[in-house]
Amino acid sequence: MKAAAGKFPARTVRVKAPGKVNVSLDVGPLRADGYHSVASVYLAVSLYEEVAATSTETPGITVSISPDSTLDLDGVDIPLDEKNLAYKAAAIMADVSEHSTGVHLEITKRVPVAGGMGGGSADAAATLLACDALWNSGLSRDELAHLAAELGADVPFSLLGGTAVGLGVGDDLSPALAKAQTDWVLVAADYGLPTPEVFRTLDRLREAEGLDVAEPTAVDPKILQALRSGDADALSRVLVNDLQRASIELSPALRDTLGRGEALGALAGIVSGSGPTVALLTHNPAAAENLAEDLRHYGLTAFPVHGPVHGARIISDTLL
């Protein structure tokens, strides 16, 4: 039986979880179930969402966005009800925890919204870990990852972090031993691209061209070799994203961003996931800092990051 709200001392558990870049993304044909099989290499990068989960005497789940968020969220529609992935994560944890209470989730947004970097998935991963600690659920990382898979393909990866190969619909994850650092500049757009629309656009483009696309079953080993060695030049030659052409079809300005980044010294550029965030690969941290500064002079929102980084982690646990 679940404990009554207020039985335990009020606490706030704060967790951060990383966004990701798809270093490679091969997309198969539309399946009968409406999904696409993929073969992708995920890289967790040093741009983090934070979730502060606070126990409340009032039953239920509430969600707010922190004023400390670094994104310009004017005009951005972020649901604060059961449509929010963090809300859904808290609801799942409440179902499996013996001593759940009411909880308020305050989300600090730093990963671009609908930007192809899994920001909402990072919120969900952070919430799973925060509620596990808040309610003393005692679940292992593997158990939390199993719950994460119910919320979406990117959630387990944000929970685990590092580098991983994703197959199936992206949720069949295998950690990759690629710990060497690579340095990137992320260029955020002031709009989002809904992932389903990007996939539909890719299907339409392929159909118009009569392309016969095979089911992807593995990633290019050259990508993993480059990540293992930290060889940015080798990695720049094998970046691939099948969704990129669809993202550019929906937002032609992305082509200009990619071109400007490379003209200013990026080794290569790629649209991250379904976009519209652009990831530009550089040689080292100093090159990333310089490139980001140059791009800002053109009015672009750019920030240097590196990867791989750890997955969701507790950063504070405070009695109130």
C-alpha atoms as a PDB file:
ATOM      1  CA  MET A   1       0.000   0.000   0.000  1.00  0.00           C
ATOM      2  CA  LYS A   2       1.276   3.455  -0.826  1.00  0.00           C
ATOM      3  CA  ALA A   3       2.158   5.845   1.958  1.00  0.00           C
ATOM      4  CA  ALA A   4       0.002   8.856   2.528  1.00  0.00           C
ATOM      5  CA  ALA A   5       1.401  12.128   1.230  1.00  0.00           C
ATOM      6  CA  GLY A   6       3.263  14.015   3.914  1.00  0.00           C
ATOM      7  CA  LYS A   7       4.304  10.945   5.904  1.00  0.00           C
ATOM      8  CA  PHE A   8       7.948  11.442   4.977  1.00  0.00           C
ATOM      9  CA  PRO A   9       9.959  14.672   5.300  1.00  0.00           C
ATOM     10  CA  ALA A  10       9.570  16.975   2.303  1.00  0.00           C
ATOM     11  CA  ARG A  11      12.574  16.733  -0.055  1.00  0.00           C
ATOM     12  CA  THR A  12      13.782  18.029  -3.359  1.00  0.00           C
ATOM     13  CA  VAL A  13      15.901  15.790  -5.577  1.00  0.00           C
ATOM     14  CA  ARG A  14      17.577  17.548  -8.500  1.00  0.00           C
ATOM     15  CA  VAL A  15      18.829  15.529 -11.477  1.00  0.00           C
ATOM     16  CA  LYS A  16      20.526  16.532 -14.712  1.00  0.00           C
ATOM     17  CA  ALA A  17      20.364  14.496 -17.930  1.00  0.00           C
ATOM     18  CA  PRO A  18      22.087  15.141 -21.266  1.00  0.00           C
ATOM     19  CA  GLY A  19      20.823  15.892 -24.717  1.00  0.00           C
ATOM     20  CA  LYS A  20      22.210  13.883 -27.608  1.00  0.00           C
ATOM     21  CA  VAL A  21      23.521  14.146 -31.129  1.00  0.00           C
ATOM     22  CA  ASN A  22      22.914  11.412 -33.687  1.00  0.00           C
ATOM     23  CA  VAL A  23      26.398  10.999 -35.121  1.00  0.00           C
ATOM     24  CA  SER A  24      24.860   8.675 -37.673  1.00  0.00           C
ATOM     25  CA  LEU A  25      21.229   7.909 -38.480  1.00  0.00           C
ATOM     26  CA  ASP A  26      20.197   5.389 -41.135  1.00  0.00           C
ATOM     27  CA  VAL A  27      16.427   5.171 -41.609  1.00  0.00           C
ATOM     28  CA  GLY A  28      14.624   2.217 -43.127  1.00  0.00           C
ATOM     29  CA  PRO A  29      11.362   2.232 -45.100  1.00  0.00           C
ATOM     30  CA  LEU A  30       7.980   2.874 -43.515  1.00  0.00           C
ATOM     31  CA  ARG A  31       6.841  -0.298 -41.773  1.00  0.00           C
ATOM     32  CA  ALA A  32       3.328  -1.697 -41.619  1.00  0.00           C
ATOM     33  CA  ASP A  33       3.051  -0.579 -37.985  1.00  0.00           C
ATOM     34  CA  GLY A  34       3.751   3.035 -38.940  1.00  0.00           C
ATOM     35  CA  TYR A  35       7.292   3.114 -37.557  1.00  0.00           C
ATOM     36  CA  HIS A  36      10.726   3.085 -39.191  1.00  0.00           C
ATOM     37  CA  SER A  37      13.647   0.851 -38.278  1.00  0.00           C
ATOM     38  CA  VAL A  38      16.852   2.792 -37.694  1.00  0.00           C
ATOM     39  CA  ALA A  39      20.541   2.194 -37.144  1.00  0.00           C
ATOM     40  CA  SER A  40      22.059   5.075 -35.240  1.00  0.00           C
ATOM     41  CA  VAL A  41      25.027   6.096 -33.138  1.00  0.00           C
ATOM     42  CA  TYR A  42      23.963   8.268 -30.205  1.00  0.00           C
ATOM     43  CA  LEU A  43      26.402  10.615 -28.504  1.00  0.00           C
ATOM     44  CA  ALA A  44      25.453  12.240 -25.195  1.00  0.00           C
ATOM     45  CA  VAL A  45      26.735  15.831 -25.139  1.00  0.00           C
ATOM     46  CA  SER A  46      27.391  18.422 -22.466  1.00  0.00           C
ATOM     47  CA  LEU A  47      24.101  20.268 -22.741  1.00  0.00           C
ATOM     48  CA  TYR A  48      21.876  19.225 -19.863  1.00  0.00           C
ATOM     49  CA  GLU A  49      18.269  19.440 -18.836  1.00  0.00           C
ATOM     50  CA  GLU A  50      17.587  19.612 -15.099  1.00  0.00           C
ATOM     51  CA  VAL A  51      14.547  18.384 -13.192  1.00  0.00           C
ATOM     52  CA  ALA A  52      13.911  19.220  -9.536  1.00  0.00           C
ATOM     53  CA  ALA A  53      11.365  16.796  -8.051  1.00  0.00           C
ATOM     54  CA  THR A  54       9.819  18.029  -4.793  1.00  0.00           C
ATOM     55  CA  SER A  55       7.464  15.954  -2.655  1.00  0.00           C
ATOM     56  CA  THR A  56       4.142  17.641  -1.911  1.00  0.00           C
ATOM     57  CA  GLU A  57       1.384  17.054   0.607  1.00  0.00           C
ATOM     58  CA  THR A  58      -1.177  17.460  -2.142  1.00  0.00           C
ATOM     59  CA  PRO A  59      -1.569  14.251  -4.189  1.00  0.00           C
ATOM     60  CA  GLY A  60      -0.864  14.271  -7.894  1.00  0.00           C
ATOM     61  CA  ILE A  61       1.771  15.564 -10.294  1.00  0.00           C
ATOM     62  CA  THR A  62       2.377  19.179 -11.231  1.00  0.00           C
ATOM     63  CA  VAL A  63       4.929  20.578 -13.679  1.00  0.00           C
ATOM     64  CA  SER A  64       6.486  24.013 -14.153  1.00  0.00           C
ATOM     65  CA  ILE A  65       9.308  25.484 -16.214  1.00  0.00           C
ATOM     66  CA  SER A  66      12.113  27.105 -14.246  1.00  0.00           C
ATOM     67  CA  PRO A  67      12.860  30.807 -14.797  1.00  0.00           C
ATOM     68  CA  ASP A  68      16.520  29.727 -14.874  1.00  0.00           C
ATOM     69  CA  SER A  69      15.976  28.064 -18.264  1.00  0.00           C
ATOM     70  CA  THR A  70      18.512  29.353 -20.761  1.00  0.00           C
ATOM     71  CA  LEU A  71      16.280  28.951 -23.806  1.00  0.00           C
ATOM     72  CA  ASP A  72      14.068  31.696 -25.199  1.00  0.00           C
ATOM     73  CA  LEU A  73      10.733  29.984 -24.667  1.00  0.00           C
ATOM     74  CA  ASP A  74       8.486  32.825 -25.819  1.00  0.00           C
ATOM     75  CA  GLY A  75       5.860  31.321 -28.075  1.00  0.00           C
ATOM     76  CA  VAL A  76       7.082  27.767 -27.411  1.00  0.00           C
ATOM     77  CA  ASP A  77       4.249  25.447 -26.450  1.00  0.00           C
ATOM     78  CA  ILE A  78       5.476  23.138 -23.694  1.00  0.00           C
ATOM     79  CA  PRO A  79       2.620  21.078 -22.183  1.00  0.00           C
ATOM     80  CA  LEU A  80       2.555  21.061 -18.402  1.00  0.00           C
ATOM     81  CA  ASP A  81       0.035  18.234 -18.045  1.00  0.00           C
ATOM     82  CA  GLU A  82      -0.070  14.525 -18.809  1.00  0.00           C
ATOM     83  CA  LYS A  83       1.170  15.223 -22.352  1.00  0.00           C
ATOM     84  CA  ASN A  84       4.570  16.174 -20.933  1.00  0.00           C
ATOM     85  CA  LEU A  85       7.104  13.322 -20.943  1.00  0.00           C
ATOM     86  CA  ALA A  86       8.354  14.241 -17.475  1.00  0.00           C
ATOM     87  CA  TYR A  87       4.798  14.041 -16.158  1.00  0.00           C
ATOM     88  CA  LYS A  88       4.420  10.622 -17.762  1.00  0.00           C
ATOM     89  CA  ALA A  89       7.705   9.484 -16.206  1.00  0.00           C
ATOM     90  CA  ALA A  90       6.555  10.567 -12.746  1.00  0.00           C
ATOM     91  CA  ALA A  91       3.240   8.759 -13.249  1.00  0.00           C
ATOM     92  CA  ILE A  92       5.048   5.530 -14.157  1.00  0.00           C
ATOM     93  CA  MET A  93       7.289   5.828 -11.097  1.00  0.00           C
ATOM     94  CA  ALA A  94       4.275   6.460  -8.865  1.00  0.00           C
ATOM     95  CA  ASP A  95       2.714   3.239 -10.145  1.00  0.00           C
ATOM     96  CA  VAL A  96       5.750   1.125  -9.282  1.00  0.00           C
ATOM     97  CA  SER A  97       6.775   2.838  -6.027  1.00  0.00           C
ATOM     98  CA  GLU A  98       5.353   1.706  -2.700  1.00  0.00           C
ATOM     99  CA  HIS A  99       5.818   5.063  -0.984  1.00  0.00           C
ATOM    100  CA  SER A 100       4.978   7.631  -3.649  1.00  0.00           C
ATOM    101  CA  THR A 101       3.690  11.058  -2.655  1.00  0.00           C
ATOM    102  CA  GLY A 102       2.488  14.036  -4.590  1.00  0.00           C
ATOM    103  CA  VAL A 103       5.311  15.588  -6.582  1.00  0.00           C
ATOM    104  CA  HIS A 104       6.091  18.874  -8.257  1.00  0.00           C
ATOM    105  CA  LEU A 105       8.534  18.824 -11.185  1.00  0.00           C
ATOM    106  CA  GLU A 106      10.414  22.011 -12.027  1.00  0.00           C
ATOM    107  CA  ILE A 107      12.202  21.668 -15.361  1.00  0.00           C
ATOM    108  CA  THR A 108      15.159  23.811 -16.353  1.00  0.00           C
ATOM    109  CA  LYS A 109      15.266  23.832 -20.152  1.00  0.00           C
ATOM    110  CA  ARG A 110      18.620  24.093 -21.910  1.00  0.00           C
ATOM    111  CA  VAL A 111      18.276  21.585 -24.766  1.00  0.00           C
ATOM    112  CA  PRO A 112      16.388  23.082 -27.758  1.00  0.00           C
ATOM    113  CA  VAL A 113      12.693  22.188 -27.760  1.00  0.00           C
ATOM    114  CA  ALA A 114      11.683  19.969 -30.725  1.00  0.00           C
ATOM    115  CA  GLY A 115      15.276  20.387 -31.877  1.00  0.00           C
ATOM    116  CA  GLY A 116      16.282  16.790 -32.633  1.00  0.00           C
ATOM    117  CA  MET A 117      18.398  16.487 -29.470  1.00  0.00           C
ATOM    118  CA  GLY A 118      16.043  14.580 -27.190  1.00  0.00           C
ATOM    119  CA  GLY A 119      15.363  17.378 -24.700  1.00  0.00           C
ATOM    120  CA  GLY A 120      11.987  16.008 -23.674  1.00  0.00           C
ATOM    121  CA  SER A 121      13.523  12.562 -23.355  1.00  0.00           C
ATOM    122  CA  ALA A 122      16.214  14.004 -21.070  1.00  0.00           C
ATOM    123  CA  ASP A 123      13.455  15.480 -18.898  1.00  0.00           C
ATOM    124  CA  ALA A 124      11.817  12.075 -18.663  1.00  0.00           C
ATOM    125  CA  ALA A 125      15.080  10.309 -17.823  1.00  0.00           C
ATOM    126  CA  ALA A 126      15.883  12.879 -15.135  1.00  0.00           C
ATOM    127  CA  THR A 127      12.400  12.503 -13.678  1.00  0.00           C
ATOM    128  CA  LEU A 128      12.662   8.712 -13.458  1.00  0.00           C
ATOM    129  CA  LEU A 129      15.901   8.962 -11.485  1.00  0.00           C
ATOM    130  CA  ALA A 130      14.661  11.853  -9.324  1.00  0.00           C
ATOM    131  CA  CYS A 131      11.420  10.106  -8.353  1.00  0.00           C
ATOM    132  CA  ASP A 132      13.251   6.851  -7.702  1.00  0.00           C
ATOM    133  CA  ALA A 133      15.414   8.679  -5.152  1.00  0.00           C
ATOM    134  CA  LEU A 134      12.587  10.834  -3.792  1.00  0.00           C
ATOM    135  CA  TRP A 135      10.393   7.832  -3.032  1.00  0.00           C
ATOM    136  CA  ASN A 136      13.196   5.399  -2.127  1.00  0.00           C
ATOM    137  CA  SER A 137      11.992   3.030  -4.828  1.00  0.00           C
ATOM    138  CA  GLY A 138      15.316   1.200  -5.006  1.00  0.00           C
ATOM    139  CA  LEU A 139      15.196   0.425  -8.720  1.00  0.00           C
ATOM    140  CA  SER A 140      18.386  -0.504 -10.548  1.00  0.00           C
ATOM    141  CA  ARG A 141      19.567   1.366 -13.632  1.00  0.00           C
ATOM    142  CA  ASP A 142      18.452  -1.578 -15.766  1.00  0.00           C
ATOM    143  CA  GLU A 143      14.983  -1.463 -14.213  1.00  0.00           C
ATOM    144  CA  LEU A 144      14.771   2.276 -14.774  1.00  0.00           C
ATOM    145  CA  ALA A 145      15.924   1.794 -18.375  1.00  0.00           C
ATOM    146  CA  HIS A 146      13.119  -0.731 -18.892  1.00  0.00           C
ATOM    147  CA  LEU A 147      10.604   1.846 -17.690  1.00  0.00           C
ATOM    148  CA  ALA A 148      12.311   4.500 -19.820  1.00  0.00           C
ATOM    149  CA  ALA A 149      11.726   2.427 -22.958  1.00  0.00           C
ATOM    150  CA  GLU A 150       7.977   2.727 -22.364  1.00  0.00           C
ATOM    151  CA  LEU A 151       8.293   6.505 -22.752  1.00  0.00           C
ATOM    152  CA  GLY A 152      10.192   6.662 -26.038  1.00  0.00           C
ATOM    153  CA  ALA A 153      13.266   5.480 -27.883  1.00  0.00           C
ATOM    154  CA  ASP A 154      15.549   8.306 -26.700  1.00  0.00           C
ATOM    155  CA  VAL A 155      14.712   8.117 -22.986  1.00  0.00           C
ATOM    156  CA  PRO A 156      16.820   5.028 -22.119  1.00  0.00           C
ATOM    157  CA  PHE A 157      19.834   6.600 -23.812  1.00  0.00           C
ATOM    158  CA  SER A 158      19.556   9.857 -21.872  1.00  0.00           C
ATOM    159  CA  LEU A 159      19.353   7.780 -18.707  1.00  0.00           C
ATOM    160  CA  LEU A 160      22.522   5.815 -19.575  1.00  0.00           C
ATOM    161  CA  GLY A 161      24.513   8.425 -21.515  1.00  0.00           C
ATOM    162  CA  GLY A 162      27.904   7.865 -23.144  1.00  0.00           C
ATOM    163  CA  THR A 163      27.906   6.490 -26.675  1.00  0.00           C
ATOM    164  CA  ALA A 164      25.547   3.806 -27.914  1.00  0.00           C
ATOM    165  CA  VAL A 165      24.315   2.063 -31.021  1.00  0.00           C
ATOM    166  CA  GLY A 166      20.548   2.140 -31.413  1.00  0.00           C
ATOM    167  CA  LEU A 167      18.701  -0.383 -33.595  1.00  0.00           C
ATOM    168  CA  GLY A 168      15.036  -1.303 -34.024  1.00  0.00           C
ATOM    169  CA  VAL A 169      13.099   1.924 -33.539  1.00  0.00           C
ATOM    170  CA  GLY A 170      16.126   3.245 -31.675  1.00  0.00           C
ATOM    171  CA  ASP A 171      15.363   1.638 -28.336  1.00  0.00           C
ATOM    172  CA  ASP A 172      17.518  -1.488 -28.819  1.00  0.00           C
ATOM    173  CA  LEU A 173      20.617   0.058 -27.268  1.00  0.00           C
ATOM    174  CA  SER A 174      24.131  -1.348 -27.100  1.00  0.00           C
ATOM    175  CA  PRO A 175      26.774   0.740 -25.296  1.00  0.00           C
ATOM    176  CA  ALA A 176      29.775   1.531 -27.484  1.00  0.00           C
ATOM    177  CA  LEU A 177      33.288   1.724 -26.061  1.00  0.00           C
ATOM    178  CA  ALA A 178      34.002   5.172 -27.455  1.00  0.00           C
ATOM    179  CA  LYS A 179      35.210   7.410 -24.644  1.00  0.00           C
ATOM    180  CA  ALA A 180      37.543   9.739 -26.550  1.00  0.00           C
ATOM    181  CA  GLN A 181      36.230  13.313 -26.553  1.00  0.00           C
ATOM    182  CA  THR A 182      34.905  14.998 -29.662  1.00  0.00           C
ATOM    183  CA  ASP A 183      34.045  18.693 -29.779  1.00  0.00           C
ATOM    184  CA  TRP A 184      31.029  20.239 -31.446  1.00  0.00           C
ATOM    185  CA  VAL A 185      29.161  23.485 -31.887  1.00  0.00           C
ATOM    186  CA  LEU A 186      25.388  23.270 -31.702  1.00  0.00           C
ATOM    187  CA  VAL A 187      23.365  25.837 -33.617  1.00  0.00           C
ATOM    188  CA  ALA A 188      19.824  26.086 -32.283  1.00  0.00           C
ATOM    189  CA  ALA A 189      16.888  27.342 -34.330  1.00  0.00           C
ATOM    190  CA  ASP A 190      14.129  29.573 -32.969  1.00  0.00           C
ATOM    191  CA  TYR A 191      11.527  27.040 -34.094  1.00  0.00           C
ATOM    192  CA  GLY A 192      10.967  23.287 -33.840  1.00  0.00           C
ATOM    193  CA  LEU A 193      10.423  20.518 -36.344  1.00  0.00           C
ATOM    194  CA  PRO A 194       7.940  17.831 -35.251  1.00  0.00           C
ATOM    195  CA  THR A 195       9.648  14.455 -35.635  1.00  0.00           C
ATOM    196  CA  PRO A 196       6.619  12.693 -37.231  1.00  0.00           C
ATOM    197  CA  GLU A 197       6.432  15.390 -39.904  1.00  0.00           C
ATOM    198  CA  VAL A 198      10.110  14.969 -40.739  1.00  0.00           C
ATOM    199  CA  PHE A 199       9.687  11.198 -41.141  1.00  0.00           C
ATOM    200  CA  ARG A 200       6.608  11.716 -43.333  1.00  0.00           C
ATOM    201  CA  THR A 201       8.556  14.132 -45.503  1.00  0.00           C
ATOM    202  CA  LEU A 202      11.379  11.611 -45.911  1.00  0.00           C
ATOM    203  CA  ASP A 203       8.859   8.946 -46.970  1.00  0.00           C
ATOM    204  CA  ARG A 204       7.349  11.359 -49.499  1.00  0.00           C
ATOM    205  CA  LEU A 205      10.722  12.284 -50.976  1.00  0.00           C
ATOM    206  CA  ARG A 206      11.736   8.650 -51.282  1.00  0.00           C
ATOM    207  CA  GLU A 207       8.437   7.686 -52.893  1.00  0.00           C
ATOM    208  CA  ALA A 208       8.732  10.507 -55.422  1.00  0.00           C
ATOM    209  CA  GLU A 209      12.207   9.304 -56.362  1.00  0.00           C
ATOM    210  CA  GLY A 210      11.204   5.640 -56.453  1.00  0.00           C
ATOM    211  CA  LEU A 211      13.919   4.709 -53.959  1.00  0.00           C
ATOM    212  CA  ASP A 212      14.002   1.135 -52.717  1.00  0.00           C
ATOM    213  CA  VAL A 213      15.421   1.436 -49.208  1.00  0.00           C
ATOM    214  CA  ALA A 214      16.654  -1.562 -47.242  1.00  0.00           C
ATOM    215  CA  GLU A 215      16.112  -2.162 -43.544  1.00  0.00           C
ATOM    216  CA  PRO A 216      19.188  -0.974 -41.627  1.00  0.00           C
ATOM    217  CA  THR A 217      20.737  -3.668 -39.460  1.00  0.00           C
ATOM    218  CA  ALA A 218      24.067  -2.168 -38.351  1.00  0.00           C
ATOM    219  CA  VAL A 219      26.016   1.072 -38.228  1.00  0.00           C
ATOM    220  CA  ASP A 220      29.134   1.857 -40.237  1.00  0.00           C
ATOM    221  CA  PRO A 221      32.080   0.505 -38.185  1.00  0.00           C
ATOM    222  CA  LYS A 222      34.192   3.448 -39.388  1.00  0.00           C
ATOM    223  CA  ILE A 223      32.033   5.753 -37.263  1.00  0.00           C
ATOM    224  CA  LEU A 224      32.708   3.773 -34.106  1.00  0.00           C
ATOM    225  CA  GLN A 225      36.404   3.537 -34.945  1.00  0.00           C
ATOM    226  CA  ALA A 226      36.620   7.312 -35.319  1.00  0.00           C
ATOM    227  CA  LEU A 227      34.757   7.874 -32.049  1.00  0.00           C
ATOM    228  CA  ARG A 228      36.957   5.380 -30.194  1.00  0.00           C
ATOM    229  CA  SER A 229      40.116   7.134 -31.347  1.00  0.00           C
ATOM    230  CA  GLY A 230      38.755  10.671 -31.118  1.00  0.00           C
ATOM    231  CA  ASP A 231      39.846  11.203 -34.741  1.00  0.00           C
ATOM    232  CA  ALA A 232      37.713  14.188 -35.729  1.00  0.00           C
ATOM    233  CA  ASP A 233      39.006  14.230 -39.307  1.00  0.00           C
ATOM    234  CA  ALA A 234      38.017  10.591 -39.848  1.00  0.00           C
ATOM    235  CA  LEU A 235      34.662  11.177 -38.169  1.00  0.00           C
ATOM    236  CA  SER A 236      33.962  14.176 -40.390  1.00  0.00           C
ATOM    237  CA  ARG A 237      34.082  11.909 -43.454  1.00  0.00           C
ATOM    238  CA  VAL A 238      31.454   9.434 -42.228  1.00  0.00           C
ATOM    239  CA  LEU A 239      28.746  11.580 -40.618  1.00  0.00           C
ATOM    240  CA  VAL A 240      25.366  10.645 -42.061  1.00  0.00           C
ATOM    241  CA  ASN A 241      21.727  11.456 -41.324  1.00  0.00           C
ATOM    242  CA  ASP A 242      18.995  10.154 -43.619  1.00  0.00           C
ATOM    243  CA  LEU A 243      16.530  12.612 -42.067  1.00  0.00           C
ATOM    244  CA  GLN A 244      18.664  15.617 -42.960  1.00  0.00           C
ATOM    245  CA  ARG A 245      17.271  16.000 -46.465  1.00  0.00           C
ATOM    246  CA  ALA A 246      13.726  15.958 -45.089  1.00  0.00           C
ATOM    247  CA  SER A 247      14.593  18.536 -42.424  1.00  0.00           C
ATOM    248  CA  ILE A 248      16.098  20.801 -45.088  1.00  0.00           C
ATOM    249  CA  GLU A 249      13.037  20.300 -47.282  1.00  0.00           C
ATOM    250  CA  LEU A 250      10.893  21.601 -44.416  1.00  0.00           C
ATOM    251  CA  SER A 251      13.398  24.301 -43.415  1.00  0.00           C
ATOM    252  CA  PRO A 252      15.703  25.344 -46.284  1.00  0.00           C
ATOM    253  CA  ALA A 253      17.550  27.763 -43.975  1.00  0.00           C
ATOM    254  CA  LEU A 254      19.293  24.732 -42.455  1.00  0.00           C
ATOM    255  CA  ARG A 255      21.337  24.395 -45.649  1.00  0.00           C
ATOM    256  CA  ASP A 256      22.636  27.927 -45.117  1.00  0.00           C
ATOM    257  CA  THR A 257      23.524  27.191 -41.484  1.00  0.00           C
ATOM    258  CA  LEU A 258      25.450  24.074 -42.469  1.00  0.00           C
ATOM    259  CA  GLY A 259      27.270  25.944 -45.216  1.00  0.00           C
ATOM    260  CA  ARG A 260      28.153  28.889 -42.995  1.00  0.00           C
ATOM    261  CA  GLY A 261      29.480  26.600 -40.274  1.00  0.00           C
ATOM    262  CA  GLU A 262      31.763  24.792 -42.687  1.00  0.00           C
ATOM    263  CA  ALA A 263      32.872  28.067 -44.288  1.00  0.00           C
ATOM    264  CA  LEU A 264      33.890  29.302 -40.832  1.00  0.00           C
ATOM    265  CA  GLY A 265      36.033  26.268 -40.126  1.00  0.00           C
ATOM    266  CA  ALA A 266      33.854  23.332 -39.057  1.00  0.00           C
ATOM    267  CA  LEU A 267      35.222  19.979 -40.225  1.00  0.00           C
ATOM    268  CA  ALA A 268      31.702  18.859 -41.116  1.00  0.00           C
ATOM    269  CA  GLY A 269      28.120  19.575 -40.171  1.00  0.00           C
ATOM    270  CA  ILE A 270      25.018  17.491 -39.708  1.00  0.00           C
ATOM    271  CA  VAL A 271      21.429  18.065 -38.723  1.00  0.00           C
ATOM    272  CA  SER A 272      20.911  16.433 -35.336  1.00  0.00           C
ATOM    273  CA  GLY A 273      18.209  13.774 -35.485  1.00  0.00           C
ATOM    274  CA  SER A 274      15.045  15.232 -36.982  1.00  0.00           C
ATOM    275  CA  GLY A 275      16.371  18.774 -36.569  1.00  0.00           C
ATOM    276  CA  PRO A 276      16.387  21.678 -36.706  1.00  0.00           C
ATOM    277  CA  THR A 277      19.451  21.841 -34.416  1.00  0.00           C
ATOM    278  CA  VAL A 278      22.677  21.678 -36.431  1.00  0.00           C
ATOM    279  CA  ALA A 279      25.787  19.976 -35.007  1.00  0.00           C
ATOM    280  CA  LEU A 280      29.138  21.171 -36.338  1.00  0.00           C
ATOM    281  CA  LEU A 281      32.218  19.031 -35.679  1.00  0.00           C
ATOM    282  CA  THR A 282      35.513  20.740 -34.757  1.00  0.00           C
ATOM    283  CA  HIS A 283      39.066  19.674 -33.978  1.00  0.00           C
ATOM    284  CA  ASN A 284      39.212  20.637 -30.305  1.00  0.00           C
ATOM    285  CA  PRO A 285      37.577  22.727 -27.539  1.00  0.00           C
ATOM    286  CA  ALA A 286      39.328  25.949 -28.587  1.00  0.00           C
ATOM    287  CA  ALA A 287      38.155  25.538 -32.183  1.00  0.00           C
ATOM    288  CA  ALA A 288      34.612  24.954 -30.941  1.00  0.00           C
ATOM    289  CA  GLU A 289      34.712  28.096 -28.774  1.00  0.00           C
ATOM    290  CA  ASN A 290      35.998  30.175 -31.690  1.00  0.00           C
ATOM    291  CA  LEU A 291      33.468  28.804 -34.147  1.00  0.00           C
ATOM    292  CA  ALA A 292      30.574  29.424 -31.763  1.00  0.00           C
ATOM    293  CA  GLU A 293      31.716  33.021 -31.293  1.00  0.00           C
ATOM    294  CA  ASP A 294      31.995  33.547 -35.055  1.00  0.00           C
ATOM    295  CA  LEU A 295      28.504  32.150 -35.635  1.00  0.00           C
ATOM    296  CA  ARG A 296      27.047  34.431 -32.964  1.00  0.00           C
ATOM    297  CA  HIS A 297      28.309  37.405 -34.964  1.00  0.00           C
ATOM    298  CA  TYR A 298      25.846  36.313 -37.655  1.00  0.00           C
ATOM    299  CA  GLY A 299      22.973  36.343 -35.179  1.00  0.00           C
ATOM    300  CA  LEU A 300      22.923  32.581 -34.702  1.00  0.00           C
ATOM    301  CA  THR A 301      22.419  30.863 -31.342  1.00  0.00           C
ATOM    302  CA  ALA A 302      25.534  28.725 -31.047  1.00  0.00           C
ATOM    303  CA  PHE A 303      27.250  27.021 -28.137  1.00  0.00           C
ATOM    304  CA  PRO A 304      30.213  24.648 -27.850  1.00  0.00           C
ATOM    305  CA  VAL A 305      29.706  21.184 -26.356  1.00  0.00           C
ATOM    306  CA  HIS A 306      31.644  17.958 -26.077  1.00  0.00           C
ATOM    307  CA  GLY A 307      30.832  14.290 -25.816  1.00  0.00           C
ATOM    308  CA  PRO A 308      30.490  11.650 -24.666  1.00  0.00           C
ATOM    309  CA  VAL A 309      29.202  12.595 -21.204  1.00  0.00           C
ATOM    310  CA  HIS A 310      27.511  10.614 -18.476  1.00  0.00           C
ATOM    311  CA  GLY A 311      23.783   9.958 -18.386  1.00  0.00           C
ATOM    312  CA  ALA A 312      21.246  11.149 -15.815  1.00  0.00           C
ATOM    313  CA  ARG A 313      22.852  11.954 -12.440  1.00  0.00           C
ATOM    314  CA  ILE A 314      21.607  13.236  -9.090  1.00  0.00           C
ATOM    315  CA  ILE A 315      23.212  16.609  -8.365  1.00  0.00           C
ATOM    316  CA  SER A 316      21.490  17.414  -5.069  1.00  0.00           C
ATOM    317  CA  ASP A 317      19.118  15.853  -2.523  1.00  0.00           C
ATOM    318  CA  THR A 318      17.779  18.388  -0.033  1.00  0.00           C
ATOM    319  CA  LEU A 319      15.464  18.136   2.963  1.00  0.00           C
ATOM    320  CA  LEU A 320      13.006  21.047   3.083  1.00  0.00           C
END
